[in-house]
Amino acid sequence: MCMICEEQWSAEEMVVHAAIALDMQEVAKLSSGELASIKVGPSLTITVRKCPKCDIVTEKNGGCDHMRCARCSHEYYWSTGKAYH
């Protein structure tokens, strides 16, 4: 649950995408810590960002700008990737 907006989510809400098409410009953005757009199907493109601490790739599907990494618990702002204070 986000302690700011109180939105709750569970492990059951996690989605794994298969058959991802990678564009090299978007991969470069992702590698540099920026938001990147990844095509995961003929009509579906998702926006992803790596956790600034452990580099796991995440997709935001709602809620506020506050993120907590499921792997390392690092808290950061989705929009900037900067540490959450």
N, C-alpha and C. Protein backbone atom coordinates (compact mmCIF):
# COMPACT_ATOMS: atom_id res chain seq x y z
N MET A 1 0.84 -1.18 0.00
CA MET A 1 0.00 0.00 0.00
C MET A 1 0.88 1.24 0.00
N CYS A 2 0.48 2.22 -0.78
CA CYS A 2 1.18 3.49 -0.78
C CYS A 2 0.76 4.26 0.47
N MET A 3 1.72 4.70 1.25
CA MET A 3 1.41 5.41 2.49
C MET A 3 0.93 6.84 2.22
N ILE A 4 1.09 7.33 1.01
CA ILE A 4 0.63 8.67 0.67
C ILE A 4 -0.81 8.64 0.17
N CYS A 5 -1.07 7.85 -0.87
CA CYS A 5 -2.42 7.84 -1.46
C CYS A 5 -3.27 6.68 -0.95
N GLU A 6 -2.66 5.75 -0.21
CA GLU A 6 -3.33 4.59 0.39
C GLU A 6 -3.85 3.58 -0.63
N GLU A 7 -3.38 3.66 -1.89
CA GLU A 7 -3.75 2.63 -2.86
C GLU A 7 -3.08 1.33 -2.47
N GLN A 8 -3.82 0.23 -2.59
CA GLN A 8 -3.28 -1.07 -2.22
C GLN A 8 -3.17 -1.95 -3.46
N TRP A 9 -2.20 -2.86 -3.45
CA TRP A 9 -2.03 -3.81 -4.53
C TRP A 9 -1.52 -5.10 -3.93
N SER A 10 -1.58 -6.16 -4.68
CA SER A 10 -1.13 -7.45 -4.17
C SER A 10 -0.28 -8.15 -5.21
N ALA A 11 0.35 -9.24 -4.81
CA ALA A 11 1.19 -10.01 -5.73
C ALA A 11 0.37 -10.56 -6.89
N GLU A 12 -0.91 -10.81 -6.65
CA GLU A 12 -1.77 -11.34 -7.71
C GLU A 12 -1.95 -10.33 -8.84
N GLU A 13 -1.71 -9.06 -8.57
CA GLU A 13 -1.88 -8.02 -9.59
C GLU A 13 -0.67 -7.89 -10.49
N MET A 14 0.41 -8.58 -10.17
CA MET A 14 1.62 -8.49 -10.98
C MET A 14 1.41 -9.23 -12.30
N VAL A 15 1.88 -8.64 -13.37
CA VAL A 15 1.72 -9.21 -14.70
C VAL A 15 3.10 -9.38 -15.34
N VAL A 16 3.32 -10.49 -15.97
CA VAL A 16 4.55 -10.72 -16.70
C VAL A 16 4.21 -10.69 -18.19
N HIS A 17 4.91 -9.86 -18.93
CA HIS A 17 4.66 -9.74 -20.37
C HIS A 17 5.64 -10.62 -21.13
N ALA A 18 5.14 -11.31 -22.13
CA ALA A 18 5.98 -12.15 -22.98
C ALA A 18 6.00 -11.57 -24.39
N ALA A 19 6.91 -12.02 -25.20
CA ALA A 19 7.01 -11.60 -26.61
C ALA A 19 7.17 -10.09 -26.74
N ILE A 20 8.13 -9.56 -26.05
CA ILE A 20 8.38 -8.12 -26.05
C ILE A 20 9.26 -7.73 -27.23
N ALA A 21 8.86 -6.68 -27.94
CA ALA A 21 9.66 -6.14 -29.04
C ALA A 21 10.48 -4.97 -28.51
N LEU A 22 11.78 -5.05 -28.64
CA LEU A 22 12.67 -4.03 -28.08
C LEU A 22 13.20 -3.11 -29.18
N ASP A 23 13.01 -1.82 -28.99
CA ASP A 23 13.56 -0.80 -29.87
C ASP A 23 14.85 -0.32 -29.21
N MET A 24 15.92 -0.23 -29.94
CA MET A 24 17.21 0.11 -29.35
C MET A 24 17.24 1.49 -28.70
N GLN A 25 16.50 2.45 -29.22
CA GLN A 25 16.44 3.78 -28.59
C GLN A 25 15.77 3.68 -27.23
N GLU A 26 14.72 2.86 -27.13
CA GLU A 26 14.03 2.69 -25.86
C GLU A 26 14.88 1.91 -24.87
N VAL A 27 15.64 0.95 -25.36
CA VAL A 27 16.56 0.21 -24.49
C VAL A 27 17.61 1.16 -23.93
N ALA A 28 18.11 2.08 -24.76
CA ALA A 28 19.09 3.06 -24.30
C ALA A 28 18.49 3.95 -23.21
N LYS A 29 17.23 4.37 -23.39
CA LYS A 29 16.57 5.17 -22.36
C LYS A 29 16.48 4.39 -21.05
N LEU A 30 16.04 3.14 -21.15
CA LEU A 30 15.90 2.30 -19.98
C LEU A 30 17.24 2.12 -19.27
N SER A 31 18.29 1.90 -20.05
CA SER A 31 19.63 1.71 -19.49
C SER A 31 20.14 2.95 -18.77
N SER A 32 19.70 4.13 -19.22
CA SER A 32 20.16 5.36 -18.58
C SER A 32 19.24 5.82 -17.44
N GLY A 33 18.24 5.00 -17.12
CA GLY A 33 17.38 5.33 -15.98
C GLY A 33 16.14 6.14 -16.34
N GLU A 34 15.91 6.35 -17.63
CA GLU A 34 14.74 7.11 -18.07
C GLU A 34 13.54 6.19 -18.25
N LEU A 35 12.35 6.79 -18.37
CA LEU A 35 11.16 6.04 -18.73
C LEU A 35 11.32 5.57 -20.17
N ALA A 36 10.88 4.36 -20.46
CA ALA A 36 10.99 3.81 -21.80
C ALA A 36 9.66 3.18 -22.21
N SER A 37 9.36 3.22 -23.50
CA SER A 37 8.15 2.61 -24.04
C SER A 37 8.55 1.30 -24.72
N ILE A 38 7.88 0.22 -24.31
CA ILE A 38 8.19 -1.10 -24.84
C ILE A 38 6.93 -1.69 -25.46
N LYS A 39 7.03 -2.12 -26.70
CA LYS A 39 5.89 -2.73 -27.40
C LYS A 39 5.80 -4.20 -26.98
N VAL A 40 4.65 -4.59 -26.41
CA VAL A 40 4.47 -5.97 -25.95
C VAL A 40 3.42 -6.73 -26.74
N GLY A 41 2.90 -6.14 -27.76
CA GLY A 41 1.92 -6.80 -28.62
C GLY A 41 1.59 -5.89 -29.78
N PRO A 42 0.77 -6.36 -30.71
CA PRO A 42 0.45 -5.55 -31.87
C PRO A 42 -0.20 -4.22 -31.53
N SER A 43 -0.96 -4.18 -30.46
CA SER A 43 -1.66 -2.93 -30.11
C SER A 43 -1.41 -2.50 -28.67
N LEU A 44 -0.36 -3.02 -28.04
CA LEU A 44 -0.09 -2.67 -26.64
C LEU A 44 1.35 -2.23 -26.45
N THR A 45 1.51 -1.01 -25.95
CA THR A 45 2.82 -0.47 -25.59
C THR A 45 2.75 -0.08 -24.12
N ILE A 46 3.76 -0.48 -23.35
CA ILE A 46 3.80 -0.15 -21.93
C ILE A 46 4.97 0.80 -21.65
N THR A 47 4.84 1.57 -20.59
CA THR A 47 5.92 2.44 -20.14
C THR A 47 6.57 1.78 -18.94
N VAL A 48 7.89 1.68 -18.97
CA VAL A 48 8.63 1.00 -17.91
C VAL A 48 9.78 1.88 -17.42
N ARG A 49 10.28 1.55 -16.23
CA ARG A 49 11.45 2.20 -15.66
C ARG A 49 12.17 1.16 -14.81
N LYS A 50 13.49 1.26 -14.76
CA LYS A 50 14.26 0.39 -13.88
C LYS A 50 14.27 0.98 -12.48
N CYS A 51 14.25 0.11 -11.48
CA CYS A 51 14.44 0.57 -10.10
C CYS A 51 15.83 1.21 -10.04
N PRO A 52 15.93 2.42 -9.49
CA PRO A 52 17.23 3.10 -9.43
C PRO A 52 18.26 2.36 -8.56
N LYS A 53 17.80 1.47 -7.69
CA LYS A 53 18.73 0.78 -6.79
C LYS A 53 19.15 -0.60 -7.32
N CYS A 54 18.17 -1.43 -7.73
CA CYS A 54 18.51 -2.81 -8.10
C CYS A 54 18.34 -3.12 -9.59
N ASP A 55 17.85 -2.16 -10.36
CA ASP A 55 17.72 -2.27 -11.83
C ASP A 55 16.63 -3.22 -12.33
N ILE A 56 15.73 -3.71 -11.46
CA ILE A 56 14.63 -4.52 -11.96
C ILE A 56 13.69 -3.61 -12.77
N VAL A 57 13.21 -4.10 -13.89
CA VAL A 57 12.33 -3.30 -14.75
C VAL A 57 10.89 -3.42 -14.22
N THR A 58 10.24 -2.25 -14.08
CA THR A 58 8.88 -2.22 -13.53
C THR A 58 7.96 -1.45 -14.45
N GLU A 59 6.67 -1.77 -14.36
CA GLU A 59 5.62 -1.06 -15.08
C GLU A 59 4.66 -0.49 -14.04
N LYS A 60 4.30 0.74 -14.21
CA LYS A 60 3.32 1.38 -13.32
C LYS A 60 1.96 1.29 -13.97
N ASN A 61 0.97 0.79 -13.21
CA ASN A 61 -0.35 0.63 -13.80
C ASN A 61 -1.43 1.39 -13.03
N GLY A 62 -1.03 2.41 -12.30
CA GLY A 62 -2.01 3.22 -11.57
C GLY A 62 -1.40 3.77 -10.30
N GLY A 63 -2.17 4.58 -9.62
CA GLY A 63 -1.72 5.12 -8.34
C GLY A 63 -0.92 6.40 -8.48
N CYS A 64 -0.32 6.80 -7.39
CA CYS A 64 0.42 8.06 -7.35
C CYS A 64 1.86 7.87 -7.84
N ASP A 65 2.66 8.89 -7.70
CA ASP A 65 4.04 8.91 -8.19
C ASP A 65 5.00 8.12 -7.30
N HIS A 66 4.57 7.76 -6.09
CA HIS A 66 5.41 7.06 -5.13
C HIS A 66 5.49 5.58 -5.48
N MET A 67 6.71 5.07 -5.62
CA MET A 67 6.92 3.66 -5.93
C MET A 67 7.78 3.02 -4.85
N ARG A 68 7.54 1.73 -4.60
CA ARG A 68 8.41 0.93 -3.74
C ARG A 68 8.72 -0.35 -4.49
N CYS A 69 9.99 -0.59 -4.73
CA CYS A 69 10.42 -1.74 -5.50
C CYS A 69 10.04 -3.04 -4.78
N ALA A 70 9.44 -3.96 -5.52
CA ALA A 70 9.04 -5.25 -4.97
C ALA A 70 10.24 -6.12 -4.63
N ARG A 71 11.37 -5.88 -5.29
CA ARG A 71 12.56 -6.69 -5.05
C ARG A 71 13.38 -6.17 -3.87
N CYS A 72 13.71 -4.89 -3.87
CA CYS A 72 14.66 -4.37 -2.86
C CYS A 72 14.05 -3.38 -1.89
N SER A 73 12.77 -3.02 -2.07
CA SER A 73 12.03 -2.09 -1.21
C SER A 73 12.49 -0.64 -1.30
N HIS A 74 13.34 -0.32 -2.27
CA HIS A 74 13.76 1.07 -2.48
C HIS A 74 12.55 1.91 -2.86
N GLU A 75 12.42 3.10 -2.27
CA GLU A 75 11.30 3.99 -2.57
C GLU A 75 11.79 5.14 -3.44
N TYR A 76 11.01 5.42 -4.51
CA TYR A 76 11.41 6.46 -5.45
C TYR A 76 10.18 7.05 -6.14
N TYR A 77 10.42 8.16 -6.84
CA TYR A 77 9.36 8.79 -7.62
C TYR A 77 9.36 8.19 -9.02
N TRP A 78 8.19 7.72 -9.49
CA TRP A 78 8.09 7.14 -10.82
C TRP A 78 8.48 8.14 -11.89
N SER A 79 8.02 9.37 -11.76
CA SER A 79 8.23 10.38 -12.81
C SER A 79 9.69 10.75 -13.02
N THR A 80 10.49 10.72 -11.97
CA THR A 80 11.88 11.17 -12.07
C THR A 80 12.91 10.08 -11.79
N GLY A 81 12.52 9.04 -11.06
CA GLY A 81 13.46 8.01 -10.65
C GLY A 81 14.30 8.42 -9.45
N LYS A 82 14.06 9.60 -8.91
CA LYS A 82 14.82 10.07 -7.75
C LYS A 82 14.28 9.44 -6.47
N ALA A 83 15.15 9.34 -5.47
CA ALA A 83 14.77 8.74 -4.19
C ALA A 83 13.58 9.49 -3.57
N TYR A 84 12.68 8.71 -2.97
CA TYR A 84 11.50 9.26 -2.32
C TYR A 84 11.88 9.73 -0.92
N HIS A 85 11.47 10.95 -0.58
CA HIS A 85 11.79 11.48 0.76
C HIS A 85 10.51 11.86 1.45
